Amino acid sequence: MRTITSGAVTGAVRQLFLSACRMPESGALAAIRSAWQEETCAPAKEALRQLVENARIAQQTGMPYCQDTGMAVVFVELGQDVRIEGDLSHAIQEGVRQAYEEG
């Protein structure tokens, strides 16, 4: 059986949220760029242009890609031979809190 500390979970969640808020996944960004190039409706094209620009700024400055933090949703897959030392729910919530505070 493998044991993972709640502190390790908190740190991993924090880092994942910071990464996610600072730069969209490359495939998603490529899809946004493609949609921007193909869009014919001026307001929609401008919205997509702003998303591409936000991604560029986020990459250069480390600032969040999107200022609307929304609601954190975390899905966990935990193997049967893994044990979390401490409260898993609290560890996840703390990692999200730290990331939101820092990022």
PDB file of N, CA and C in Angstrom:
ATOM      1  N   MET A   1       0.845  -1.181   0.000  1.00  0.00           N
ATOM      2  CA  MET A   1       0.000   0.000   0.000  1.00  0.00           C
ATOM      3  C   MET A   1       0.889   1.243   0.000  1.00  0.00           C
ATOM      4  N   ARG A   2       0.511   2.205  -0.792  1.00  0.00           N
ATOM      5  CA  ARG A   2       1.245   3.467  -0.875  1.00  0.00           C
ATOM      6  C   ARG A   2       0.510   4.518  -0.062  1.00  0.00           C
ATOM      7  N   THR A   3       1.251   5.278   0.735  1.00  0.00           N
ATOM      8  CA  THR A   3       0.673   6.344   1.540  1.00  0.00           C
ATOM      9  C   THR A   3       1.136   7.690   1.001  1.00  0.00           C
ATOM     10  N   ILE A   4       0.178   8.577   0.819  1.00  0.00           N
ATOM     11  CA  ILE A   4       0.461   9.938   0.347  1.00  0.00           C
ATOM     12  C   ILE A   4      -0.023  10.898   1.421  1.00  0.00           C
ATOM     13  N   THR A   5       0.821  11.836   1.802  1.00  0.00           N
ATOM     14  CA  THR A   5       0.427  12.787   2.843  1.00  0.00           C
ATOM     15  C   THR A   5      -0.539  13.821   2.282  1.00  0.00           C
ATOM     16  N   SER A   6      -1.372  14.344   3.161  1.00  0.00           N
ATOM     17  CA  SER A   6      -2.310  15.381   2.728  1.00  0.00           C
ATOM     18  C   SER A   6      -1.546  16.627   2.273  1.00  0.00           C
ATOM     19  N   GLY A   7      -0.375  16.877   2.863  1.00  0.00           N
ATOM     20  CA  GLY A   7       0.453  18.011   2.441  1.00  0.00           C
ATOM     21  C   GLY A   7       0.909  17.872   1.001  1.00  0.00           C
ATOM     22  N   ALA A   8       1.224  16.645   0.587  1.00  0.00           N
ATOM     23  CA  ALA A   8       1.621  16.414  -0.809  1.00  0.00           C
ATOM     24  C   ALA A   8       0.445  16.657  -1.746  1.00  0.00           C
ATOM     25  N   VAL A   9      -0.748  16.267  -1.326  1.00  0.00           N
ATOM     26  CA  VAL A   9      -1.945  16.512  -2.124  1.00  0.00           C
ATOM     27  C   VAL A   9      -2.178  18.016  -2.252  1.00  0.00           C
ATOM     28  N   THR A  10      -2.080  18.736  -1.139  1.00  0.00           N
ATOM     29  CA  THR A  10      -2.261  20.192  -1.154  1.00  0.00           C
ATOM     30  C   THR A  10      -1.288  20.849  -2.114  1.00  0.00           C
ATOM     31  N   GLY A  11      -0.027  20.470  -2.032  1.00  0.00           N
ATOM     32  CA  GLY A  11       0.990  21.046  -2.908  1.00  0.00           C
ATOM     33  C   GLY A  11       0.732  20.750  -4.373  1.00  0.00           C
ATOM     34  N   ALA A  12       0.316  19.529  -4.677  1.00  0.00           N
ATOM     35  CA  ALA A  12       0.048  19.151  -6.063  1.00  0.00           C
ATOM     36  C   ALA A  12      -1.162  19.909  -6.615  1.00  0.00           C
ATOM     37  N   VAL A  13      -2.212  20.021  -5.810  1.00  0.00           N
ATOM     38  CA  VAL A  13      -3.406  20.748  -6.249  1.00  0.00           C
ATOM     39  C   VAL A  13      -3.064  22.218  -6.466  1.00  0.00           C
ATOM     40  N   ARG A  14      -2.328  22.808  -5.541  1.00  0.00           N
ATOM     41  CA  ARG A  14      -1.913  24.205  -5.663  1.00  0.00           C
ATOM     42  C   ARG A  14      -1.178  24.424  -6.986  1.00  0.00           C
ATOM     43  N   GLN A  15      -0.195  23.585  -7.275  1.00  0.00           N
ATOM     44  CA  GLN A  15       0.610  23.737  -8.481  1.00  0.00           C
ATOM     45  C   GLN A  15      -0.223  23.535  -9.739  1.00  0.00           C
ATOM     46  N   LEU A  16      -1.115  22.560  -9.729  1.00  0.00           N
ATOM     47  CA  LEU A  16      -1.963  22.319 -10.896  1.00  0.00           C
ATOM     48  C   LEU A  16      -2.885  23.505 -11.174  1.00  0.00           C
ATOM     49  N   PHE A  17      -3.459  24.073 -10.111  1.00  0.00           N
ATOM     50  CA  PHE A  17      -4.349  25.221 -10.304  1.00  0.00           C
ATOM     51  C   PHE A  17      -3.574  26.446 -10.779  1.00  0.00           C
ATOM     52  N   LEU A  18      -2.386  26.654 -10.237  1.00  0.00           N
ATOM     53  CA  LEU A  18      -1.578  27.786 -10.703  1.00  0.00           C
ATOM     54  C   LEU A  18      -1.229  27.626 -12.177  1.00  0.00           C
ATOM     55  N   SER A  19      -0.846  26.440 -12.570  1.00  0.00           N
ATOM     56  CA  SER A  19      -0.509  26.186 -13.974  1.00  0.00           C
ATOM     57  C   SER A  19      -1.725  26.385 -14.863  1.00  0.00           C
ATOM     58  N   ALA A  20      -2.855  25.861 -14.441  1.00  0.00           N
ATOM     59  CA  ALA A  20      -4.069  25.948 -15.252  1.00  0.00           C
ATOM     60  C   ALA A  20      -4.537  27.382 -15.417  1.00  0.00           C
ATOM     61  N   CYS A  21      -4.393  28.195 -14.384  1.00  0.00           N
ATOM     62  CA  CYS A  21      -4.904  29.570 -14.491  1.00  0.00           C
ATOM     63  C   CYS A  21      -3.942  30.476 -15.238  1.00  0.00           C
ATOM     64  N   ARG A  22      -2.695  30.069 -15.379  1.00  0.00           N
ATOM     65  CA  ARG A  22      -1.715  30.925 -16.046  1.00  0.00           C
ATOM     66  C   ARG A  22      -1.552  30.621 -17.523  1.00  0.00           C
ATOM     67  N   MET A  23      -1.964  29.466 -17.946  1.00  0.00           N
ATOM     68  CA  MET A  23      -1.818  29.131 -19.359  1.00  0.00           C
ATOM     69  C   MET A  23      -2.777  28.013 -19.719  1.00  0.00           C
ATOM     70  N   PRO A  24      -3.597  28.225 -20.763  1.00  0.00           N
ATOM     71  CA  PRO A  24      -4.492  27.148 -21.183  1.00  0.00           C
ATOM     72  C   PRO A  24      -3.695  26.009 -21.812  1.00  0.00           C
ATOM     73  N   GLU A  25      -4.258  24.847 -21.806  1.00  0.00           N
ATOM     74  CA  GLU A  25      -3.642  23.677 -22.420  1.00  0.00           C
ATOM     75  C   GLU A  25      -3.388  23.992 -23.896  1.00  0.00           C
ATOM     76  N   SER A  26      -2.259  23.517 -24.421  1.00  0.00           N
ATOM     77  CA  SER A  26      -1.835  23.910 -25.768  1.00  0.00           C
ATOM     78  C   SER A  26      -2.869  23.553 -26.834  1.00  0.00           C
ATOM     79  N   GLY A  27      -3.530  22.421 -26.713  1.00  0.00           N
ATOM     80  CA  GLY A  27      -4.552  22.042 -27.682  1.00  0.00           C
ATOM     81  C   GLY A  27      -5.738  22.995 -27.655  1.00  0.00           C
ATOM     82  N   ALA A  28      -6.113  23.432 -26.454  1.00  0.00           N
ATOM     83  CA  ALA A  28      -7.223  24.380 -26.326  1.00  0.00           C
ATOM     84  C   ALA A  28      -6.837  25.716 -26.942  1.00  0.00           C
ATOM     85  N   LEU A  29      -5.630  26.170 -26.688  1.00  0.00           N
ATOM     86  CA  LEU A  29      -5.174  27.440 -27.255  1.00  0.00           C
ATOM     87  C   LEU A  29      -5.097  27.356 -28.777  1.00  0.00           C
ATOM     88  N   ALA A  30      -4.642  26.241 -29.306  1.00  0.00           N
ATOM     89  CA  ALA A  30      -4.596  26.063 -30.760  1.00  0.00           C
ATOM     90  C   ALA A  30      -6.008  26.115 -31.347  1.00  0.00           C
ATOM     91  N   ALA A  31      -6.972  25.527 -30.661  1.00  0.00           N
ATOM     92  CA  ALA A  31      -8.362  25.558 -31.135  1.00  0.00           C
ATOM     93  C   ALA A  31      -8.911  26.984 -31.109  1.00  0.00           C
ATOM     94  N   ILE A  32      -8.570  27.746 -30.079  1.00  0.00           N
ATOM     95  CA  ILE A  32      -9.012  29.146 -29.995  1.00  0.00           C
ATOM     96  C   ILE A  32      -8.399  29.958 -31.132  1.00  0.00           C
ATOM     97  N   ARG A  33      -7.114  29.762 -31.380  1.00  0.00           N
ATOM     98  CA  ARG A  33      -6.446  30.477 -32.485  1.00  0.00           C
ATOM     99  C   ARG A  33      -7.080  30.131 -33.835  1.00  0.00           C
ATOM    100  N   SER A  34      -7.359  28.857 -34.026  1.00  0.00           N
ATOM    101  CA  SER A  34      -7.979  28.418 -35.278  1.00  0.00           C
ATOM    102  C   SER A  34      -9.362  29.033 -35.440  1.00  0.00           C
ATOM    103  N   ALA A  35     -10.140  29.026 -34.373  1.00  0.00           N
ATOM    104  CA  ALA A  35     -11.480  29.617 -34.427  1.00  0.00           C
ATOM    105  C   ALA A  35     -11.390  31.112 -34.718  1.00  0.00           C
ATOM    106  N   TRP A  36     -10.421  31.774 -34.122  1.00  0.00           N
ATOM    107  CA  TRP A  36     -10.219  33.218 -34.341  1.00  0.00           C
ATOM    108  C   TRP A  36      -9.956  33.501 -35.820  1.00  0.00           C
ATOM    109  N   GLN A  37      -9.088  32.702 -36.426  1.00  0.00           N
ATOM    110  CA  GLN A  37      -8.730  32.904 -37.828  1.00  0.00           C
ATOM    111  C   GLN A  37      -9.910  32.637 -38.762  1.00  0.00           C
ATOM    112  N   GLU A  38     -10.774  31.697 -38.383  1.00  0.00           N
ATOM    113  CA  GLU A  38     -11.881  31.306 -39.250  1.00  0.00           C
ATOM    114  C   GLU A  38     -13.163  32.103 -39.001  1.00  0.00           C
ATOM    115  N   GLU A  39     -13.273  32.757 -37.865  1.00  0.00           N
ATOM    116  CA  GLU A  39     -14.503  33.461 -37.495  1.00  0.00           C
ATOM    117  C   GLU A  39     -14.780  34.624 -38.445  1.00  0.00           C
ATOM    118  N   THR A  40     -16.053  34.772 -38.819  1.00  0.00           N
ATOM    119  CA  THR A  40     -16.443  35.863 -39.713  1.00  0.00           C
ATOM    120  C   THR A  40     -17.266  36.933 -38.998  1.00  0.00           C
ATOM    121  N   CYS A  41     -17.859  36.605 -37.880  1.00  0.00           N
ATOM    122  CA  CYS A  41     -18.661  37.569 -37.115  1.00  0.00           C
ATOM    123  C   CYS A  41     -17.709  38.468 -36.321  1.00  0.00           C
ATOM    124  N   ALA A  42     -17.763  39.770 -36.557  1.00  0.00           N
ATOM    125  CA  ALA A  42     -16.809  40.706 -35.949  1.00  0.00           C
ATOM    126  C   ALA A  42     -16.777  40.648 -34.415  1.00  0.00           C
ATOM    127  N   PRO A  43     -17.914  40.670 -33.716  1.00  0.00           N
ATOM    128  CA  PRO A  43     -17.839  40.621 -32.249  1.00  0.00           C
ATOM    129  C   PRO A  43     -17.244  39.303 -31.733  1.00  0.00           C
ATOM    130  N   ALA A  44     -17.599  38.203 -32.381  1.00  0.00           N
ATOM    131  CA  ALA A  44     -17.044  36.908 -31.974  1.00  0.00           C
ATOM    132  C   ALA A  44     -15.544  36.850 -32.265  1.00  0.00           C
ATOM    133  N   LYS A  45     -15.145  37.388 -33.408  1.00  0.00           N
ATOM    134  CA  LYS A  45     -13.724  37.409 -33.764  1.00  0.00           C
ATOM    135  C   LYS A  45     -12.933  38.225 -32.741  1.00  0.00           C
ATOM    136  N   GLU A  46     -13.497  39.348 -32.307  1.00  0.00           N
ATOM    137  CA  GLU A  46     -12.830  40.185 -31.306  1.00  0.00           C
ATOM    138  C   GLU A  46     -12.710  39.460 -29.968  1.00  0.00           C
ATOM    139  N   ALA A  47     -13.745  38.752 -29.567  1.00  0.00           N
ATOM    140  CA  ALA A  47     -13.690  37.992 -28.309  1.00  0.00           C
ATOM    141  C   ALA A  47     -12.597  36.934 -28.373  1.00  0.00           C
ATOM    142  N   LEU A  48     -12.500  36.236 -29.487  1.00  0.00           N
ATOM    143  CA  LEU A  48     -11.458  35.218 -29.647  1.00  0.00           C
ATOM    144  C   LEU A  48     -10.071  35.856 -29.687  1.00  0.00           C
ATOM    145  N   ARG A  49      -9.953  37.017 -30.321  1.00  0.00           N
ATOM    146  CA  ARG A  49      -8.669  37.721 -30.350  1.00  0.00           C
ATOM    147  C   ARG A  49      -8.232  38.073 -28.938  1.00  0.00           C
ATOM    148  N   GLN A  50      -9.181  38.506 -28.121  1.00  0.00           N
ATOM    149  CA  GLN A  50      -8.856  38.855 -26.739  1.00  0.00           C
ATOM    150  C   GLN A  50      -8.400  37.637 -25.942  1.00  0.00           C
ATOM    151  N   LEU A  51      -8.989  36.479 -26.206  1.00  0.00           N
ATOM    152  CA  LEU A  51      -8.543  35.254 -25.529  1.00  0.00           C
ATOM    153  C   LEU A  51      -7.111  34.904 -25.909  1.00  0.00           C
ATOM    154  N   VAL A  52      -6.787  35.041 -27.190  1.00  0.00           N
ATOM    155  CA  VAL A  52      -5.420  34.774 -27.649  1.00  0.00           C
ATOM    156  C   VAL A  52      -4.447  35.769 -27.014  1.00  0.00           C
ATOM    157  N   GLU A  53      -4.843  37.036 -26.966  1.00  0.00           N
ATOM    158  CA  GLU A  53      -4.000  38.068 -26.354  1.00  0.00           C
ATOM    159  C   GLU A  53      -3.818  37.806 -24.858  1.00  0.00           C
ATOM    160  N   ASN A  54      -4.899  37.407 -24.177  1.00  0.00           N
ATOM    161  CA  ASN A  54      -4.795  37.084 -22.751  1.00  0.00           C
ATOM    162  C   ASN A  54      -3.807  35.947 -22.514  1.00  0.00           C
ATOM    163  N   ALA A  55      -3.832  34.961 -23.397  1.00  0.00           N
ATOM    164  CA  ALA A  55      -2.898  33.829 -23.266  1.00  0.00           C
ATOM    165  C   ALA A  55      -1.458  34.308 -23.433  1.00  0.00           C
ATOM    166  N   ARG A  56      -1.232  35.201 -24.383  1.00  0.00           N
ATOM    167  CA  ARG A  56       0.125  35.735 -24.598  1.00  0.00           C
ATOM    168  C   ARG A  56       0.599  36.491 -23.356  1.00  0.00           C
ATOM    169  N   ILE A  57      -0.264  37.335 -22.813  1.00  0.00           N
ATOM    170  CA  ILE A  57       0.095  38.110 -21.617  1.00  0.00           C
ATOM    171  C   ILE A  57       0.340  37.186 -20.431  1.00  0.00           C
ATOM    172  N   ALA A  58      -0.508  36.191 -20.266  1.00  0.00           N
ATOM    173  CA  ALA A  58      -0.347  35.244 -19.154  1.00  0.00           C
ATOM    174  C   ALA A  58       0.986  34.514 -19.244  1.00  0.00           C
ATOM    175  N   GLN A  59       1.335  34.116 -20.451  1.00  0.00           N
ATOM    176  CA  GLN A  59       2.590  33.405 -20.656  1.00  0.00           C
ATOM    177  C   GLN A  59       3.790  34.303 -20.334  1.00  0.00           C
ATOM    178  N   GLN A  60       3.723  35.554 -20.725  1.00  0.00           N
ATOM    179  CA  GLN A  60       4.848  36.475 -20.520  1.00  0.00           C
ATOM    180  C   GLN A  60       4.965  36.949 -19.071  1.00  0.00           C
ATOM    181  N   THR A  61       3.842  37.149 -18.411  1.00  0.00           N
ATOM    182  CA  THR A  61       3.864  37.773 -17.087  1.00  0.00           C
ATOM    183  C   THR A  61       3.609  36.820 -15.927  1.00  0.00           C
ATOM    184  N   GLY A  62       3.033  35.648 -16.209  1.00  0.00           N
ATOM    185  CA  GLY A  62       2.651  34.741 -15.134  1.00  0.00           C
ATOM    186  C   GLY A  62       1.342  35.130 -14.467  1.00  0.00           C
ATOM    187  N   MET A  63       0.677  36.144 -15.029  1.00  0.00           N
ATOM    188  CA  MET A  63      -0.628  36.555 -14.503  1.00  0.00           C
ATOM    189  C   MET A  63      -1.676  35.529 -14.940  1.00  0.00           C
ATOM    190  N   PRO A  64      -2.792  35.456 -14.220  1.00  0.00           N
ATOM    191  CA  PRO A  64      -3.843  34.508 -14.619  1.00  0.00           C
ATOM    192  C   PRO A  64      -4.361  34.791 -16.025  1.00  0.00           C
ATOM    193  N   TYR A  65      -4.619  33.726 -16.741  1.00  0.00           N
ATOM    194  CA  TYR A  65      -5.129  33.790 -18.106  1.00  0.00           C
ATOM    195  C   TYR A  65      -6.516  34.424 -18.131  1.00  0.00           C
ATOM    196  N   CYS A  66      -7.331  34.062 -17.181  1.00  0.00           N
ATOM    197  CA  CYS A  66      -8.702  34.552 -17.109  1.00  0.00           C
ATOM    198  C   CYS A  66      -8.949  35.055 -15.701  1.00  0.00           C
ATOM    199  N   GLN A  67      -9.480  36.240 -15.569  1.00  0.00           N
ATOM    200  CA  GLN A  67      -9.699  36.823 -14.244  1.00  0.00           C
ATOM    201  C   GLN A  67     -10.931  36.263 -13.549  1.00  0.00           C
ATOM    202  N   ASP A  68     -11.795  35.586 -14.288  1.00  0.00           N
ATOM    203  CA  ASP A  68     -12.983  34.983 -13.696  1.00  0.00           C
ATOM    204  C   ASP A  68     -12.593  33.608 -13.164  1.00  0.00           C
ATOM    205  N   THR A  69     -12.378  33.520 -11.862  1.00  0.00           N
ATOM    206  CA  THR A  69     -11.901  32.266 -11.280  1.00  0.00           C
ATOM    207  C   THR A  69     -12.988  31.203 -11.238  1.00  0.00           C
ATOM    208  N   GLY A  70     -14.247  31.604 -11.325  1.00  0.00           N
ATOM    209  CA  GLY A  70     -15.317  30.618 -11.339  1.00  0.00           C
ATOM    210  C   GLY A  70     -15.322  29.761 -10.091  1.00  0.00           C
ATOM    211  N   MET A  71     -15.705  28.525 -10.243  1.00  0.00           N
ATOM    212  CA  MET A  71     -15.782  27.599  -9.127  1.00  0.00           C
ATOM    213  C   MET A  71     -14.847  26.425  -9.415  1.00  0.00           C
ATOM    214  N   ALA A  72     -14.055  26.076  -8.455  1.00  0.00           N
ATOM    215  CA  ALA A  72     -13.116  24.964  -8.628  1.00  0.00           C
ATOM    216  C   ALA A  72     -13.873  23.637  -8.589  1.00  0.00           C
ATOM    217  N   VAL A  73     -13.611  22.795  -9.567  1.00  0.00           N
ATOM    218  CA  VAL A  73     -14.167  21.453  -9.604  1.00  0.00           C
ATOM    219  C   VAL A  73     -12.989  20.499  -9.732  1.00  0.00           C
ATOM    220  N   VAL A  74     -12.868  19.582  -8.805  1.00  0.00           N
ATOM    221  CA  VAL A  74     -11.738  18.661  -8.785  1.00  0.00           C
ATOM    222  C   VAL A  74     -12.265  17.232  -8.832  1.00  0.00           C
ATOM    223  N   PHE A  75     -11.761  16.455  -9.771  1.00  0.00           N
ATOM    224  CA  PHE A  75     -12.099  15.050  -9.867  1.00  0.00           C
ATOM    225  C   PHE A  75     -10.887  14.260  -9.384  1.00  0.00           C
ATOM    226  N   VAL A  76     -11.114  13.267  -8.548  1.00  0.00           N
ATOM    227  CA  VAL A  76     -10.027  12.480  -7.967  1.00  0.00           C
ATOM    228  C   VAL A  76     -10.212  11.013  -8.333  1.00  0.00           C
ATOM    229  N   GLU A  77      -9.153  10.418  -8.835  1.00  0.00           N
ATOM    230  CA  GLU A  77      -9.120   8.971  -9.027  1.00  0.00           C
ATOM    231  C   GLU A  77      -8.091   8.433  -8.050  1.00  0.00           C
ATOM    232  N   LEU A  78      -8.533   7.555  -7.183  1.00  0.00           N
ATOM    233  CA  LEU A  78      -7.670   7.031  -6.125  1.00  0.00           C
ATOM    234  C   LEU A  78      -7.665   5.514  -6.211  1.00  0.00           C
ATOM    235  N   GLY A  79      -6.490   4.946  -6.429  1.00  0.00           N
ATOM    236  CA  GLY A  79      -6.380   3.499  -6.526  1.00  0.00           C
ATOM    237  C   GLY A  79      -6.677   2.814  -5.206  1.00  0.00           C
ATOM    238  N   GLN A  80      -7.033   1.551  -5.277  1.00  0.00           N
ATOM    239  CA  GLN A  80      -7.405   0.808  -4.076  1.00  0.00           C
ATOM    240  C   GLN A  80      -6.219   0.554  -3.152  1.00  0.00           C
ATOM    241  N   ASP A  81      -5.001   0.660  -3.669  1.00  0.00           N
ATOM    242  CA  ASP A  81      -3.821   0.433  -2.840  1.00  0.00           C
ATOM    243  C   ASP A  81      -3.150   1.732  -2.429  1.00  0.00           C
ATOM    244  N   VAL A  82      -3.915   2.832  -2.426  1.00  0.00           N
ATOM    245  CA  VAL A  82      -3.392   4.134  -2.033  1.00  0.00           C
ATOM    246  C   VAL A  82      -4.163   4.622  -0.820  1.00  0.00           C
ATOM    247  N   ARG A  83      -3.413   5.151   0.133  1.00  0.00           N
ATOM    248  CA  ARG A  83      -4.032   5.694   1.340  1.00  0.00           C
ATOM    249  C   ARG A  83      -3.562   7.131   1.500  1.00  0.00           C
ATOM    250  N   ILE A  84      -4.507   8.023   1.792  1.00  0.00           N
ATOM    251  CA  ILE A  84      -4.166   9.419   2.046  1.00  0.00           C
ATOM    252  C   ILE A  84      -4.044   9.603   3.548  1.00  0.00           C
ATOM    253  N   GLU A  85      -2.902  10.104   3.956  1.00  0.00           N
ATOM    254  CA  GLU A  85      -2.662  10.369   5.377  1.00  0.00           C
ATOM    255  C   GLU A  85      -3.209  11.764   5.680  1.00  0.00           C
ATOM    256  N   GLY A  86      -4.341  11.838   6.303  1.00  0.00           N
ATOM    257  CA  GLY A  86      -5.005  13.105   6.583  1.00  0.00           C
ATOM    258  C   GLY A  86      -6.323  13.182   5.834  1.00  0.00           C
ATOM    259  N   ASP A  87      -6.901  14.357   5.818  1.00  0.00           N
ATOM    260  CA  ASP A  87      -8.213  14.586   5.216  1.00  0.00           C
ATOM    261  C   ASP A  87      -8.057  15.002   3.755  1.00  0.00           C
ATOM    262  N   LEU A  88      -8.449  14.134   2.831  1.00  0.00           N
ATOM    263  CA  LEU A  88      -8.290  14.391   1.404  1.00  0.00           C
ATOM    264  C   LEU A  88      -9.070  15.629   0.972  1.00  0.00           C
ATOM    265  N   SER A  89     -10.306  15.743   1.381  1.00  0.00           N
ATOM    266  CA  SER A  89     -11.131  16.885   1.000  1.00  0.00           C
ATOM    267  C   SER A  89     -10.507  18.194   1.476  1.00  0.00           C
ATOM    268  N   HIS A  90     -10.064  18.231   2.710  1.00  0.00           N
ATOM    269  CA  HIS A  90      -9.428  19.440   3.245  1.00  0.00           C
ATOM    270  C   HIS A  90      -8.137  19.752   2.480  1.00  0.00           C
ATOM    271  N   ALA A  91      -7.361  18.732   2.168  1.00  0.00           N
ATOM    272  CA  ALA A  91      -6.098  18.931   1.443  1.00  0.00           C
ATOM    273  C   ALA A  91      -6.357  19.558   0.076  1.00  0.00           C
ATOM    274  N   ILE A  92      -7.387  19.086  -0.617  1.00  0.00           N
ATOM    275  CA  ILE A  92      -7.728  19.642  -1.927  1.00  0.00           C
ATOM    276  C   ILE A  92      -8.194  21.079  -1.779  1.00  0.00           C
ATOM    277  N   GLN A  93      -9.091  21.318  -0.833  1.00  0.00           N
ATOM    278  CA  GLN A  93      -9.603  22.672  -0.615  1.00  0.00           C
ATOM    279  C   GLN A  93      -8.478  23.645  -0.255  1.00  0.00           C
ATOM    280  N   GLU A  94      -7.532  23.195   0.532  1.00  0.00           N
ATOM    281  CA  GLU A  94      -6.414  24.047   0.923  1.00  0.00           C
ATOM    282  C   GLU A  94      -5.517  24.347  -0.269  1.00  0.00           C
ATOM    283  N   GLY A  95      -5.291  23.360  -1.131  1.00  0.00           N
ATOM    284  CA  GLY A  95      -4.490  23.600  -2.338  1.00  0.00           C
ATOM    285  C   GLY A  95      -5.154  24.608  -3.262  1.00  0.00           C
ATOM    286  N   VAL A  96      -6.466  24.502  -3.410  1.00  0.00           N
ATOM    287  CA  VAL A  96      -7.209  25.480  -4.223  1.00  0.00           C
ATOM    288  C   VAL A  96      -7.124  26.854  -3.587  1.00  0.00           C
ATOM    289  N   ARG A  97      -7.311  26.923  -2.286  1.00  0.00           N
ATOM    290  CA  ARG A  97      -7.254  28.218  -1.572  1.00  0.00           C
ATOM    291  C   ARG A  97      -5.896  28.874  -1.769  1.00  0.00           C
ATOM    292  N   GLN A  98      -4.828  28.108  -1.583  1.00  0.00           N
ATOM    293  CA  GLN A  98      -3.486  28.654  -1.741  1.00  0.00           C
ATOM    294  C   GLN A  98      -3.251  29.155  -3.159  1.00  0.00           C
ATOM    295  N   ALA A  99      -3.697  28.389  -4.139  1.00  0.00           N
ATOM    296  CA  ALA A  99      -3.503  28.782  -5.538  1.00  0.00           C
ATOM    297  C   ALA A  99      -4.285  30.054  -5.849  1.00  0.00           C
ATOM    298  N   TYR A 100      -5.521  30.133  -5.383  1.00  0.00           N
ATOM    299  CA  TYR A 100      -6.327  31.334  -5.638  1.00  0.00           C
ATOM    300  C   TYR A 100      -5.713  32.549  -4.972  1.00  0.00           C
ATOM    301  N   GLU A 101      -5.170  32.352  -3.774  1.00  0.00           N
ATOM    302  CA  GLU A 101      -4.551  33.465  -3.059  1.00  0.00           C
ATOM    303  C   GLU A 101      -3.271  33.921  -3.769  1.00  0.00           C
ATOM    304  N   GLU A 102      -2.481  32.964  -4.210  1.00  0.00           N
ATOM    305  CA  GLU A 102      -1.206  33.277  -4.855  1.00  0.00           C
ATOM    306  C   GLU A 102      -1.368  33.732  -6.296  1.00  0.00           C
ATOM    307  N   GLY A 103      -2.288  33.081  -7.009  1.00  0.00           N
ATOM    308  CA  GLY A 103      -2.379  33.316  -8.448  1.00  0.00           C
ATOM    309  C   GLY A 103      -3.444  34.295  -8.829  1.00  0.00           C
TER     310      GLY A 103
END
